[in-house]
Amino acid sequence: MSKNTFKPVFERTLSEQSDLIRPHVKKVQLENINRGLYNSYRDGRYKSNDVFIRRYKDHREVVKIDAATGYTKTLRTIK
């Protein structure tokens, strides 16, 4: 008898869910960069909840985003 290894996503732990989607996220991030777009992510060095990193193909920007208005201010560019 074969063992059914399928486990619905909502029955998985957060760690299992993360492991499941990680390869797909990496693929989409690479596609974004190759199309001239950017990827946004938080960085633990910046404690403020409104500061993000935007990673482009050739540089990164530290940006502050006002969630209420969408206003974005570039704080720093990193080559």
Protein backbone atom coordinates (compact mmCIF):
# COMPACT_ATOMS: atom_id res chain seq x y z
CA MET A 1 0.00 0.00 0.00
CA SER A 2 1.39 3.43 -0.93
CA LYS A 3 1.67 6.10 1.68
CA ASN A 4 -0.19 9.32 0.87
CA THR A 5 2.28 12.15 1.52
CA PHE A 6 0.02 15.02 0.48
CA LYS A 7 -0.66 17.42 3.32
CA PRO A 8 -2.95 20.44 2.75
CA VAL A 9 -1.18 23.76 3.21
CA PHE A 10 -3.35 24.83 6.15
CA GLU A 11 -2.50 21.63 8.01
CA ARG A 12 1.21 22.39 7.74
CA THR A 13 3.25 24.23 10.34
CA LEU A 14 4.50 27.71 9.48
CA SER A 15 7.96 26.23 8.99
CA GLU A 16 6.59 23.63 6.55
CA GLN A 17 4.65 26.32 4.69
CA SER A 18 7.78 28.45 4.44
CA ASP A 19 9.82 25.50 3.11
CA LEU A 20 7.08 24.79 0.55
CA ILE A 21 6.93 28.28 -0.93
CA ARG A 22 10.59 29.33 -0.60
CA PRO A 23 11.66 28.06 -4.08
CA HIS A 24 8.70 29.83 -5.70
CA VAL A 25 9.48 33.11 -3.93
CA LYS A 26 13.13 32.96 -5.04
CA LYS A 27 12.03 32.36 -8.64
CA VAL A 28 9.66 35.36 -8.61
CA GLN A 29 12.34 37.57 -7.01
CA LEU A 30 14.81 36.65 -9.76
CA GLU A 31 12.17 37.31 -12.45
CA ASN A 32 11.50 40.75 -10.94
CA ILE A 33 15.18 41.69 -11.00
CA ASN A 34 15.62 40.44 -14.57
CA ARG A 35 12.65 42.57 -15.70
CA GLY A 36 14.06 45.75 -14.19
CA LEU A 37 11.76 45.72 -11.17
CA TYR A 38 12.75 45.57 -7.51
CA ASN A 39 12.13 43.38 -4.47
CA SER A 40 11.17 44.91 -1.12
CA TYR A 41 12.01 43.44 2.24
CA ARG A 42 12.56 44.41 5.85
CA ASP A 43 16.03 44.47 7.37
CA GLY A 44 16.64 43.88 11.07
CA ARG A 45 19.17 46.71 11.20
CA TYR A 46 16.32 49.18 10.79
CA LYS A 47 13.96 49.02 13.77
CA SER A 48 11.27 51.33 12.37
CA ASN A 49 8.27 49.48 10.87
CA ASP A 50 8.09 51.91 7.96
CA VAL A 51 11.64 51.38 6.65
CA PHE A 52 12.27 48.84 3.87
CA ILE A 53 15.02 47.83 1.48
CA ARG A 54 14.33 47.93 -2.24
CA ARG A 55 16.75 45.71 -4.09
CA TYR A 56 17.35 46.43 -7.76
CA LYS A 57 19.70 44.61 -10.13
CA ASP A 58 22.57 47.05 -9.61
CA HIS A 59 21.85 48.73 -6.25
CA ARG A 60 19.72 48.84 -3.12
CA GLU A 61 17.73 51.68 -1.61
CA VAL A 62 16.70 52.18 1.99
CA VAL A 63 13.23 53.74 1.82
CA LYS A 64 10.70 55.03 4.32
CA ILE A 65 7.06 54.51 3.32
CA ASP A 66 4.06 56.27 4.79
CA ALA A 67 1.38 53.55 4.85
CA ALA A 68 -1.47 56.07 5.00
CA THR A 69 -0.45 58.11 1.96
CA GLY A 70 1.93 55.82 0.07
CA TYR A 71 4.55 58.58 0.09
CA THR A 72 8.03 57.09 -0.27
CA LYS A 73 11.25 58.80 0.73
CA THR A 74 14.63 57.37 -0.24
CA LEU A 75 16.88 57.52 2.82
CA ARG A 76 20.01 55.98 1.33
CA THR A 77 21.29 54.37 -1.88
CA ILE A 78 23.74 51.48 -1.59
CA LYS A 79 25.83 50.48 -4.63
